[in-house]
Amino acid sequence: MNNSTIIYLTDINFKTQININSFILVDFWADWCNPCKMFSLVLDEIFKKYNKKLFFAKLNIDKYPNIAQKYDVRSIPTIILFNNGIIIDQTTGSINKIQLTKFLDKHLK
């Protein structure tokens, strides 16, 4: 697996992407969310380390509120780790690089 870009999810490609990619980390965010912007910088750093182990994706909750509602996203940023379409784990709030690394490592060993 060599995922060289972050996937931007929509209501059209969401289901397909979470099902065809073994591990995919989805970041639920919005343009107006300052903690989301801070977390995006963390994701960019982590992406370089983990892009051979999983896929990274982003979903704008303002553009696709039905998907956020389906996964009970009530606060952002929220990240959900899927494996073949099944939720493995999730966390809400802006986390730092160390916290995100621990979050991913416990599932990707």
PDB file of N, CA and C in Angstrom:
ATOM      1  N   MET A   1       0.840  -1.171   0.000  1.00  0.00           N
ATOM      2  CA  MET A   1       0.000   0.000   0.000  1.00  0.00           C
ATOM      3  C   MET A   1       0.890   1.240   0.000  1.00  0.00           C
ATOM      4  N   ASN A   2       0.621   2.134  -0.910  1.00  0.00           N
ATOM      5  CA  ASN A   2       1.330   3.409  -0.908  1.00  0.00           C
ATOM      6  C   ASN A   2       0.334   4.499  -1.229  1.00  0.00           C
ATOM      7  N   ASN A   3      -0.162   5.121  -0.195  1.00  0.00           N
ATOM      8  CA  ASN A   3      -1.164   6.154  -0.326  1.00  0.00           C
ATOM      9  C   ASN A   3      -0.469   7.500  -0.331  1.00  0.00           C
ATOM     10  N   SER A   4      -0.385   8.132  -1.473  1.00  0.00           N
ATOM     11  CA  SER A   4       0.397   9.359  -1.580  1.00  0.00           C
ATOM     12  C   SER A   4      -0.414  10.631  -1.369  1.00  0.00           C
ATOM     13  N   THR A   5      -1.723  10.530  -1.275  1.00  0.00           N
ATOM     14  CA  THR A   5      -2.548  11.719  -1.059  1.00  0.00           C
ATOM     15  C   THR A   5      -3.647  11.439  -0.039  1.00  0.00           C
ATOM     16  N   ILE A   6      -4.144  12.506   0.551  1.00  0.00           N
ATOM     17  CA  ILE A   6      -5.281  12.411   1.449  1.00  0.00           C
ATOM     18  C   ILE A   6      -6.543  12.420   0.592  1.00  0.00           C
ATOM     19  N   ILE A   7      -7.461  11.527   0.880  1.00  0.00           N
ATOM     20  CA  ILE A   7      -8.706  11.392   0.118  1.00  0.00           C
ATOM     21  C   ILE A   7      -9.746  12.345   0.702  1.00  0.00           C
ATOM     22  N   TYR A   8     -10.395  13.114  -0.147  1.00  0.00           N
ATOM     23  CA  TYR A   8     -11.484  13.981   0.302  1.00  0.00           C
ATOM     24  C   TYR A   8     -12.796  13.261   0.021  1.00  0.00           C
ATOM     25  N   LEU A   9     -13.501  12.948   1.100  1.00  0.00           N
ATOM     26  CA  LEU A   9     -14.709  12.140   0.993  1.00  0.00           C
ATOM     27  C   LEU A   9     -15.939  13.000   0.733  1.00  0.00           C
ATOM     28  N   THR A  10     -16.893  12.395   0.033  1.00  0.00           N
ATOM     29  CA  THR A  10     -18.177  13.023  -0.275  1.00  0.00           C
ATOM     30  C   THR A  10     -19.264  11.997   0.009  1.00  0.00           C
ATOM     31  N   ASP A  11     -20.505  12.425  -0.149  1.00  0.00           N
ATOM     32  CA  ASP A  11     -21.584  11.459   0.031  1.00  0.00           C
ATOM     33  C   ASP A  11     -21.582  10.412  -1.084  1.00  0.00           C
ATOM     34  N   ILE A  12     -20.897  10.686  -2.174  1.00  0.00           N
ATOM     35  CA  ILE A  12     -20.830   9.730  -3.280  1.00  0.00           C
ATOM     36  C   ILE A  12     -19.751   8.676  -3.059  1.00  0.00           C
ATOM     37  N   ASN A  13     -18.584   9.069  -2.566  1.00  0.00           N
ATOM     38  CA  ASN A  13     -17.481   8.098  -2.464  1.00  0.00           C
ATOM     39  C   ASN A  13     -17.232   7.554  -1.049  1.00  0.00           C
ATOM     40  N   PHE A  14     -17.930   8.057  -0.051  1.00  0.00           N
ATOM     41  CA  PHE A  14     -17.648   7.669   1.333  1.00  0.00           C
ATOM     42  C   PHE A  14     -17.736   6.157   1.550  1.00  0.00           C
ATOM     43  N   LYS A  15     -18.861   5.585   1.250  1.00  0.00           N
ATOM     44  CA  LYS A  15     -19.071   4.160   1.516  1.00  0.00           C
ATOM     45  C   LYS A  15     -18.054   3.287   0.771  1.00  0.00           C
ATOM     46  N   THR A  16     -17.799   3.618  -0.474  1.00  0.00           N
ATOM     47  CA  THR A  16     -16.830   2.852  -1.262  1.00  0.00           C
ATOM     48  C   THR A  16     -15.438   2.939  -0.648  1.00  0.00           C
ATOM     49  N   GLN A  17     -15.014   4.139  -0.299  1.00  0.00           N
ATOM     50  CA  GLN A  17     -13.663   4.327   0.231  1.00  0.00           C
ATOM     51  C   GLN A  17     -13.447   3.610   1.558  1.00  0.00           C
ATOM     52  N   ILE A  18     -14.432   3.671   2.458  1.00  0.00           N
ATOM     53  CA  ILE A  18     -14.214   3.014   3.751  1.00  0.00           C
ATOM     54  C   ILE A  18     -14.286   1.501   3.641  1.00  0.00           C
ATOM     55  N   ASN A  19     -14.890   1.010   2.577  1.00  0.00           N
ATOM     56  CA  ASN A  19     -14.990  -0.441   2.396  1.00  0.00           C
ATOM     57  C   ASN A  19     -13.857  -1.040   1.582  1.00  0.00           C
ATOM     58  N   ILE A  20     -13.283  -0.293   0.636  1.00  0.00           N
ATOM     59  CA  ILE A  20     -12.239  -0.891  -0.210  1.00  0.00           C
ATOM     60  C   ILE A  20     -10.839  -0.713   0.363  1.00  0.00           C
ATOM     61  N   ASN A  21     -10.690   0.220   1.263  1.00  0.00           N
ATOM     62  CA  ASN A  21      -9.381   0.457   1.867  1.00  0.00           C
ATOM     63  C   ASN A  21      -9.332  -0.231   3.222  1.00  0.00           C
ATOM     64  N   SER A  22      -8.386  -1.163   3.390  1.00  0.00           N
ATOM     65  CA  SER A  22      -8.351  -1.948   4.616  1.00  0.00           C
ATOM     66  C   SER A  22      -8.401  -1.051   5.849  1.00  0.00           C
ATOM     67  N   PHE A  23      -7.392  -0.244   6.086  1.00  0.00           N
ATOM     68  CA  PHE A  23      -7.431   0.725   7.176  1.00  0.00           C
ATOM     69  C   PHE A  23      -7.532   2.117   6.575  1.00  0.00           C
ATOM     70  N   ILE A  24      -8.505   2.882   7.074  1.00  0.00           N
ATOM     71  CA  ILE A  24      -8.651   4.265   6.629  1.00  0.00           C
ATOM     72  C   ILE A  24      -9.031   5.112   7.837  1.00  0.00           C
ATOM     73  N   LEU A  25      -8.293   6.193   8.027  1.00  0.00           N
ATOM     74  CA  LEU A  25      -8.548   7.123   9.117  1.00  0.00           C
ATOM     75  C   LEU A  25      -9.308   8.304   8.536  1.00  0.00           C
ATOM     76  N   VAL A  26     -10.521   8.536   9.040  1.00  0.00           N
ATOM     77  CA  VAL A  26     -11.358   9.620   8.530  1.00  0.00           C
ATOM     78  C   VAL A  26     -11.404  10.751   9.553  1.00  0.00           C
ATOM     79  N   ASP A  27     -11.030  11.936   9.084  1.00  0.00           N
ATOM     80  CA  ASP A  27     -11.068  13.152   9.891  1.00  0.00           C
ATOM     81  C   ASP A  27     -12.336  13.913   9.535  1.00  0.00           C
ATOM     82  N   PHE A  28     -13.249  14.049  10.509  1.00  0.00           N
ATOM     83  CA  PHE A  28     -14.471  14.832  10.337  1.00  0.00           C
ATOM     84  C   PHE A  28     -14.152  16.253  10.800  1.00  0.00           C
ATOM     85  N   TRP A  29     -14.362  17.248   9.926  1.00  0.00           N
ATOM     86  CA  TRP A  29     -13.918  18.605  10.195  1.00  0.00           C
ATOM     87  C   TRP A  29     -14.851  19.615   9.543  1.00  0.00           C
ATOM     88  N   ALA A  30     -14.558  20.915   9.781  1.00  0.00           N
ATOM     89  CA  ALA A  30     -15.281  22.018   9.126  1.00  0.00           C
ATOM     90  C   ALA A  30     -14.333  23.200   8.961  1.00  0.00           C
ATOM     91  N   ASP A  31     -14.616  24.034   7.972  1.00  0.00           N
ATOM     92  CA  ASP A  31     -13.771  25.196   7.684  1.00  0.00           C
ATOM     93  C   ASP A  31     -13.673  26.177   8.854  1.00  0.00           C
ATOM     94  N   TRP A  32     -14.745  26.351   9.594  1.00  0.00           N
ATOM     95  CA  TRP A  32     -14.805  27.337  10.669  1.00  0.00           C
ATOM     96  C   TRP A  32     -14.176  26.846  11.972  1.00  0.00           C
ATOM     97  N   CYS A  33     -13.778  25.601  12.024  1.00  0.00           N
ATOM     98  CA  CYS A  33     -13.302  24.963  13.256  1.00  0.00           C
ATOM     99  C   CYS A  33     -11.791  25.174  13.443  1.00  0.00           C
ATOM    100  N   ASN A  34     -11.412  26.039  14.375  1.00  0.00           N
ATOM    101  CA  ASN A  34      -9.988  26.287  14.616  1.00  0.00           C
ATOM    102  C   ASN A  34      -9.252  25.059  15.139  1.00  0.00           C
ATOM    103  N   PRO A  35      -9.812  24.287  16.083  1.00  0.00           N
ATOM    104  CA  PRO A  35      -9.122  23.060  16.501  1.00  0.00           C
ATOM    105  C   PRO A  35      -8.915  22.083  15.332  1.00  0.00           C
ATOM    106  N   CYS A  36      -9.826  22.087  14.365  1.00  0.00           N
ATOM    107  CA  CYS A  36      -9.680  21.232  13.180  1.00  0.00           C
ATOM    108  C   CYS A  36      -8.461  21.660  12.361  1.00  0.00           C
ATOM    109  N   LYS A  37      -8.255  22.966  12.267  1.00  0.00           N
ATOM    110  CA  LYS A  37      -7.106  23.478  11.522  1.00  0.00           C
ATOM    111  C   LYS A  37      -5.800  23.079  12.201  1.00  0.00           C
ATOM    112  N   MET A  38      -5.781  23.143  13.533  1.00  0.00           N
ATOM    113  CA  MET A  38      -4.589  22.731  14.289  1.00  0.00           C
ATOM    114  C   MET A  38      -4.352  21.235  14.105  1.00  0.00           C
ATOM    115  N   PHE A  39      -5.426  20.463  14.182  1.00  0.00           N
ATOM    116  CA  PHE A  39      -5.301  19.019  14.040  1.00  0.00           C
ATOM    117  C   PHE A  39      -4.865  18.638  12.629  1.00  0.00           C
ATOM    118  N   SER A  40      -5.255  19.411  11.662  1.00  0.00           N
ATOM    119  CA  SER A  40      -4.862  19.141  10.280  1.00  0.00           C
ATOM    120  C   SER A  40      -3.341  19.154  10.124  1.00  0.00           C
ATOM    121  N   LEU A  41      -2.676  20.020  10.858  1.00  0.00           N
ATOM    122  CA  LEU A  41      -1.211  20.072  10.824  1.00  0.00           C
ATOM    123  C   LEU A  41      -0.613  18.789  11.402  1.00  0.00           C
ATOM    124  N   VAL A  42      -1.227  18.272  12.463  1.00  0.00           N
ATOM    125  CA  VAL A  42      -0.789  17.003  13.064  1.00  0.00           C
ATOM    126  C   VAL A  42      -0.984  15.873  12.062  1.00  0.00           C
ATOM    127  N   LEU A  43      -2.141  15.858  11.416  1.00  0.00           N
ATOM    128  CA  LEU A  43      -2.413  14.818  10.410  1.00  0.00           C
ATOM    129  C   LEU A  43      -1.381  14.847   9.295  1.00  0.00           C
ATOM    130  N   ASP A  44      -1.029  16.035   8.852  1.00  0.00           N
ATOM    131  CA  ASP A  44      -0.039  16.156   7.776  1.00  0.00           C
ATOM    132  C   ASP A  44       1.294  15.530   8.187  1.00  0.00           C
ATOM    133  N   GLU A  45       1.699  15.735   9.434  1.00  0.00           N
ATOM    134  CA  GLU A  45       2.954  15.144   9.921  1.00  0.00           C
ATOM    135  C   GLU A  45       2.849  13.620  10.014  1.00  0.00           C
ATOM    136  N   ILE A  46       1.764  13.152  10.562  1.00  0.00           N
ATOM    137  CA  ILE A  46       1.566  11.708  10.750  1.00  0.00           C
ATOM    138  C   ILE A  46       1.413  11.004   9.411  1.00  0.00           C
ATOM    139  N   PHE A  47       0.799  11.678   8.455  1.00  0.00           N
ATOM    140  CA  PHE A  47       0.576  11.101   7.129  1.00  0.00           C
ATOM    141  C   PHE A  47       1.874  10.570   6.536  1.00  0.00           C
ATOM    142  N   LYS A  48       2.935  11.329   6.675  1.00  0.00           N
ATOM    143  CA  LYS A  48       4.224  10.933   6.094  1.00  0.00           C
ATOM    144  C   LYS A  48       4.754   9.641   6.715  1.00  0.00           C
ATOM    145  N   LYS A  49       4.456   9.439   7.991  1.00  0.00           N
ATOM    146  CA  LYS A  49       4.947   8.250   8.702  1.00  0.00           C
ATOM    147  C   LYS A  49       4.086   7.015   8.431  1.00  0.00           C
ATOM    148  N   TYR A  50       2.781   7.198   8.253  1.00  0.00           N
ATOM    149  CA  TYR A  50       1.852   6.074   8.191  1.00  0.00           C
ATOM    150  C   TYR A  50       1.230   5.818   6.824  1.00  0.00           C
ATOM    151  N   ASN A  51       1.609   6.571   5.791  1.00  0.00           N
ATOM    152  CA  ASN A  51       0.904   6.429   4.515  1.00  0.00           C
ATOM    153  C   ASN A  51       1.114   5.083   3.833  1.00  0.00           C
ATOM    154  N   LYS A  52       2.017   4.260   4.337  1.00  0.00           N
ATOM    155  CA  LYS A  52       2.168   2.907   3.789  1.00  0.00           C
ATOM    156  C   LYS A  52       1.356   1.882   4.582  1.00  0.00           C
ATOM    157  N   LYS A  53       0.786   2.316   5.718  1.00  0.00           N
ATOM    158  CA  LYS A  53       0.037   1.404   6.589  1.00  0.00           C
ATOM    159  C   LYS A  53      -1.478   1.612   6.506  1.00  0.00           C
ATOM    160  N   LEU A  54      -1.892   2.827   6.149  1.00  0.00           N
ATOM    161  CA  LEU A  54      -3.316   3.108   6.084  1.00  0.00           C
ATOM    162  C   LEU A  54      -3.575   4.282   5.162  1.00  0.00           C
ATOM    163  N   PHE A  55      -4.832   4.457   4.841  1.00  0.00           N
ATOM    164  CA  PHE A  55      -5.268   5.584   4.025  1.00  0.00           C
ATOM    165  C   PHE A  55      -5.778   6.681   4.946  1.00  0.00           C
ATOM    166  N   PHE A  56      -5.620   7.917   4.512  1.00  0.00           N
ATOM    167  CA  PHE A  56      -6.097   9.070   5.264  1.00  0.00           C
ATOM    168  C   PHE A  56      -7.179   9.752   4.449  1.00  0.00           C
ATOM    169  N   ALA A  57      -8.249  10.164   5.146  1.00  0.00           N
ATOM    170  CA  ALA A  57      -9.352  10.821   4.448  1.00  0.00           C
ATOM    171  C   ALA A  57      -9.918  11.931   5.322  1.00  0.00           C
ATOM    172  N   LYS A  58     -10.570  12.896   4.659  1.00  0.00           N
ATOM    173  CA  LYS A  58     -11.197  14.010   5.353  1.00  0.00           C
ATOM    174  C   LYS A  58     -12.634  14.142   4.852  1.00  0.00           C
ATOM    175  N   LEU A  59     -13.535  14.483   5.788  1.00  0.00           N
ATOM    176  CA  LEU A  59     -14.922  14.715   5.426  1.00  0.00           C
ATOM    177  C   LEU A  59     -15.393  16.012   6.069  1.00  0.00           C
ATOM    178  N   ASN A  60     -15.810  16.957   5.232  1.00  0.00           N
ATOM    179  CA  ASN A  60     -16.323  18.237   5.711  1.00  0.00           C
ATOM    180  C   ASN A  60     -17.767  18.037   6.166  1.00  0.00           C
ATOM    181  N   ILE A  61     -18.009  18.217   7.470  1.00  0.00           N
ATOM    182  CA  ILE A  61     -19.345  17.931   8.009  1.00  0.00           C
ATOM    183  C   ILE A  61     -20.395  18.949   7.567  1.00  0.00           C
ATOM    184  N   ASP A  62     -19.968  20.138   7.180  1.00  0.00           N
ATOM    185  CA  ASP A  62     -20.932  21.129   6.696  1.00  0.00           C
ATOM    186  C   ASP A  62     -21.446  20.762   5.308  1.00  0.00           C
ATOM    187  N   LYS A  63     -20.586  20.174   4.501  1.00  0.00           N
ATOM    188  CA  LYS A  63     -20.989  19.775   3.155  1.00  0.00           C
ATOM    189  C   LYS A  63     -21.742  18.441   3.154  1.00  0.00           C
ATOM    190  N   TYR A  64     -21.400  17.568   4.103  1.00  0.00           N
ATOM    191  CA  TYR A  64     -21.992  16.218   4.133  1.00  0.00           C
ATOM    192  C   TYR A  64     -22.484  15.878   5.535  1.00  0.00           C
ATOM    193  N   PRO A  65     -23.478  16.639   6.031  1.00  0.00           N
ATOM    194  CA  PRO A  65     -23.951  16.441   7.404  1.00  0.00           C
ATOM    195  C   PRO A  65     -24.608  15.075   7.642  1.00  0.00           C
ATOM    196  N   ASN A  66     -25.174  14.485   6.609  1.00  0.00           N
ATOM    197  CA  ASN A  66     -25.835  13.182   6.787  1.00  0.00           C
ATOM    198  C   ASN A  66     -24.848  12.093   7.189  1.00  0.00           C
ATOM    199  N   ILE A  67     -23.638  12.153   6.652  1.00  0.00           N
ATOM    200  CA  ILE A  67     -22.623  11.149   7.007  1.00  0.00           C
ATOM    201  C   ILE A  67     -22.172  11.380   8.447  1.00  0.00           C
ATOM    202  N   ALA A  68     -21.941  12.625   8.802  1.00  0.00           N
ATOM    203  CA  ALA A  68     -21.554  12.933  10.188  1.00  0.00           C
ATOM    204  C   ALA A  68     -22.629  12.467  11.160  1.00  0.00           C
ATOM    205  N   GLN A  69     -23.874  12.686  10.805  1.00  0.00           N
ATOM    206  CA  GLN A  69     -24.985  12.266  11.658  1.00  0.00           C
ATOM    207  C   GLN A  69     -25.055  10.739  11.756  1.00  0.00           C
ATOM    208  N   LYS A  70     -24.840  10.065  10.662  1.00  0.00           N
ATOM    209  CA  LYS A  70     -24.884   8.595  10.654  1.00  0.00           C
ATOM    210  C   LYS A  70     -23.856   8.008  11.624  1.00  0.00           C
ATOM    211  N   TYR A  71     -22.700   8.655  11.727  1.00  0.00           N
ATOM    212  CA  TYR A  71     -21.641   8.155  12.610  1.00  0.00           C
ATOM    213  C   TYR A  71     -21.610   8.899  13.951  1.00  0.00           C
ATOM    214  N   ASP A  72     -22.707   9.598  14.250  1.00  0.00           N
ATOM    215  CA  ASP A  72     -22.906  10.253  15.541  1.00  0.00           C
ATOM    216  C   ASP A  72     -21.786  11.235  15.879  1.00  0.00           C
ATOM    217  N   VAL A  73     -21.305  11.955  14.869  1.00  0.00           N
ATOM    218  CA  VAL A  73     -20.275  12.967  15.086  1.00  0.00           C
ATOM    219  C   VAL A  73     -20.974  14.225  15.596  1.00  0.00           C
ATOM    220  N   ARG A  74     -20.733  14.528  16.873  1.00  0.00           N
ATOM    221  CA  ARG A  74     -21.395  15.669  17.504  1.00  0.00           C
ATOM    222  C   ARG A  74     -20.436  16.810  17.807  1.00  0.00           C
ATOM    223  N   SER A  75     -19.157  16.521  17.734  1.00  0.00           N
ATOM    224  CA  SER A  75     -18.133  17.516  18.011  1.00  0.00           C
ATOM    225  C   SER A  75     -16.965  17.260  17.064  1.00  0.00           C
ATOM    226  N   ILE A  76     -16.268  18.329  16.708  1.00  0.00           N
ATOM    227  CA  ILE A  76     -15.139  18.168  15.791  1.00  0.00           C
ATOM    228  C   ILE A  76     -13.922  18.875  16.350  1.00  0.00           C
ATOM    229  N   PRO A  77     -12.743  18.446  15.976  1.00  0.00           N
ATOM    230  CA  PRO A  77     -12.495  17.328  15.060  1.00  0.00           C
ATOM    231  C   PRO A  77     -12.796  15.979  15.719  1.00  0.00           C
ATOM    232  N   THR A  78     -13.294  15.076  14.922  1.00  0.00           N
ATOM    233  CA  THR A  78     -13.471  13.677  15.304  1.00  0.00           C
ATOM    234  C   THR A  78     -12.753  12.847  14.267  1.00  0.00           C
ATOM    235  N   ILE A  79     -11.999  11.854  14.731  1.00  0.00           N
ATOM    236  CA  ILE A  79     -11.402  10.916  13.789  1.00  0.00           C
ATOM    237  C   ILE A  79     -11.959   9.532  14.073  1.00  0.00           C
ATOM    238  N   ILE A  80     -12.221   8.812  13.007  1.00  0.00           N
ATOM    239  CA  ILE A  80     -12.700   7.438  13.103  1.00  0.00           C
ATOM    240  C   ILE A  80     -11.786   6.571  12.254  1.00  0.00           C
ATOM    241  N   LEU A  81     -11.295   5.498  12.857  1.00  0.00           N
ATOM    242  CA  LEU A  81     -10.471   4.524  12.151  1.00  0.00           C
ATOM    243  C   LEU A  81     -11.358   3.361  11.732  1.00  0.00           C
ATOM    244  N   PHE A  82     -11.419   3.123  10.437  1.00  0.00           N
ATOM    245  CA  PHE A  82     -12.190   2.021   9.873  1.00  0.00           C
ATOM    246  C   PHE A  82     -11.241   0.941   9.374  1.00  0.00           C
ATOM    247  N   ASN A  83     -11.692  -0.296   9.436  1.00  0.00           N
ATOM    248  CA  ASN A  83     -10.983  -1.409   8.801  1.00  0.00           C
ATOM    249  C   ASN A  83     -12.016  -2.181   7.999  1.00  0.00           C
ATOM    250  N   ASN A  84     -11.892  -2.131   6.685  1.00  0.00           N
ATOM    251  CA  ASN A  84     -12.849  -2.777   5.787  1.00  0.00           C
ATOM    252  C   ASN A  84     -14.294  -2.395   6.123  1.00  0.00           C
ATOM    253  N   GLY A  85     -14.514  -1.111   6.377  1.00  0.00           N
ATOM    254  CA  GLY A  85     -15.859  -0.591   6.604  1.00  0.00           C
ATOM    255  C   GLY A  85     -16.356  -0.676   8.032  1.00  0.00           C
ATOM    256  N   ILE A  86     -15.611  -1.280   8.922  1.00  0.00           N
ATOM    257  CA  ILE A  86     -16.029  -1.442  10.313  1.00  0.00           C
ATOM    258  C   ILE A  86     -15.254  -0.450  11.183  1.00  0.00           C
ATOM    259  N   ILE A  87     -15.969   0.219  12.084  1.00  0.00           N
ATOM    260  CA  ILE A  87     -15.314   1.150  13.000  1.00  0.00           C
ATOM    261  C   ILE A  87     -14.461   0.360  13.983  1.00  0.00           C
ATOM    262  N   ILE A  88     -13.181   0.723  14.026  1.00  0.00           N
ATOM    263  CA  ILE A  88     -12.230   0.099  14.941  1.00  0.00           C
ATOM    264  C   ILE A  88     -12.092   0.945  16.205  1.00  0.00           C
ATOM    265  N   ASP A  89     -12.016   2.254  16.036  1.00  0.00           N
ATOM    266  CA  ASP A  89     -11.846   3.161  17.166  1.00  0.00           C
ATOM    267  C   ASP A  89     -12.138   4.572  16.704  1.00  0.00           C
ATOM    268  N   GLN A  90     -12.355   5.460  17.660  1.00  0.00           N
ATOM    269  CA  GLN A  90     -12.547   6.863  17.323  1.00  0.00           C
ATOM    270  C   GLN A  90     -12.180   7.734  18.514  1.00  0.00           C
ATOM    271  N   THR A  91     -11.921   8.993  18.221  1.00  0.00           N
ATOM    272  CA  THR A  91     -11.631   9.966  19.263  1.00  0.00           C
ATOM    273  C   THR A  91     -12.115  11.333  18.792  1.00  0.00           C
ATOM    274  N   THR A  92     -12.456  12.164  19.769  1.00  0.00           N
ATOM    275  CA  THR A  92     -12.956  13.498  19.473  1.00  0.00           C
ATOM    276  C   THR A  92     -12.076  14.529  20.161  1.00  0.00           C
ATOM    277  N   GLY A  93     -11.865  15.626  19.474  1.00  0.00           N
ATOM    278  CA  GLY A  93     -11.046  16.703  20.017  1.00  0.00           C
ATOM    279  C   GLY A  93      -9.692  16.723  19.336  1.00  0.00           C
ATOM    280  N   SER A  94      -9.058  17.876  19.398  1.00  0.00           N
ATOM    281  CA  SER A  94      -7.751  18.015  18.775  1.00  0.00           C
ATOM    282  C   SER A  94      -6.709  17.308  19.627  1.00  0.00           C
ATOM    283  N   ILE A  95      -6.053  16.329  19.046  1.00  0.00           N
ATOM    284  CA  ILE A  95      -5.018  15.595  19.772  1.00  0.00           C
ATOM    285  C   ILE A  95      -3.668  15.906  19.147  1.00  0.00           C
ATOM    286  N   ASN A  96      -2.628  15.727  19.931  1.00  0.00           N
ATOM    287  CA  ASN A  96      -1.297  16.047  19.420  1.00  0.00           C
ATOM    288  C   ASN A  96      -0.683  14.844  18.698  1.00  0.00           C
ATOM    289  N   LYS A  97       0.510  15.047  18.185  1.00  0.00           N
ATOM    290  CA  LYS A  97       1.190  14.019  17.392  1.00  0.00           C
ATOM    291  C   LYS A  97       1.436  12.743  18.206  1.00  0.00           C
ATOM    292  N   ILE A  98       1.845  12.890  19.453  1.00  0.00           N
ATOM    293  CA  ILE A  98       2.113  11.723  20.302  1.00  0.00           C
ATOM    294  C   ILE A  98       0.824  10.939  20.550  1.00  0.00           C
ATOM    295  N   GLN A  99      -0.257  11.645  20.858  1.00  0.00           N
ATOM    296  CA  GLN A  99      -1.540  10.987  21.106  1.00  0.00           C
ATOM    297  C   GLN A  99      -2.049  10.271  19.856  1.00  0.00           C
ATOM    298  N   LEU A 100      -1.916  10.902  18.711  1.00  0.00           N
ATOM    299  CA  LEU A 100      -2.364  10.276  17.468  1.00  0.00           C
ATOM    300  C   LEU A 100      -1.506   9.063  17.128  1.00  0.00           C
ATOM    301  N   THR A 101      -0.219   9.159  17.361  1.00  0.00           N
ATOM    302  CA  THR A 101       0.672   8.021  17.125  1.00  0.00           C
ATOM    303  C   THR A 101       0.265   6.835  17.994  1.00  0.00           C
ATOM    304  N   LYS A 102      -0.014   7.080  19.254  1.00  0.00           N
ATOM    305  CA  LYS A 102      -0.455   6.003  20.167  1.00  0.00           C
ATOM    306  C   LYS A 102      -1.786   5.421  19.703  1.00  0.00           C
ATOM    307  N   PHE A 103      -2.698   6.294  19.300  1.00  0.00           N
ATOM    308  CA  PHE A 103      -4.004   5.867  18.806  1.00  0.00           C
ATOM    309  C   PHE A 103      -3.847   4.912  17.619  1.00  0.00           C
ATOM    310  N   LEU A 104      -2.995   5.272  16.674  1.00  0.00           N
ATOM    311  CA  LEU A 104      -2.799   4.443  15.481  1.00  0.00           C
ATOM    312  C   LEU A 104      -1.999   3.176  15.783  1.00  0.00           C
ATOM    313  N   ASP A 105      -0.943   3.307  16.574  1.00  0.00           N
ATOM    314  CA  ASP A 105      -0.073   2.157  16.845  1.00  0.00           C
ATOM    315  C   ASP A 105      -0.802   1.018  17.549  1.00  0.00           C
ATOM    316  N   LYS A 106      -1.764   1.340  18.392  1.00  0.00           N
ATOM    317  CA  LYS A 106      -2.452   0.261  19.100  1.00  0.00           C
ATOM    318  C   LYS A 106      -3.298  -0.601  18.160  1.00  0.00           C
ATOM    319  N   HIS A 107      -3.576  -0.105  16.962  1.00  0.00           N
ATOM    320  CA  HIS A 107      -4.387  -0.863  16.005  1.00  0.00           C
ATOM    321  C   HIS A 107      -3.595  -1.368  14.796  1.00  0.00           C
ATOM    322  N   LEU A 108      -2.449  -0.798  14.541  1.00  0.00           N
ATOM    323  CA  LEU A 108      -1.714  -1.124  13.316  1.00  0.00           C
ATOM    324  C   LEU A 108      -0.484  -1.985  13.545  1.00  0.00           C
ATOM    325  N   LYS A 109      -0.325  -2.526  14.702  1.00  0.00           N
ATOM    326  CA  LYS A 109       0.851  -3.379  15.001  1.00  0.00           C
ATOM    327  C   LYS A 109       0.812  -4.660  14.212  1.00  0.00           C
TER     328      LYS A 109
END
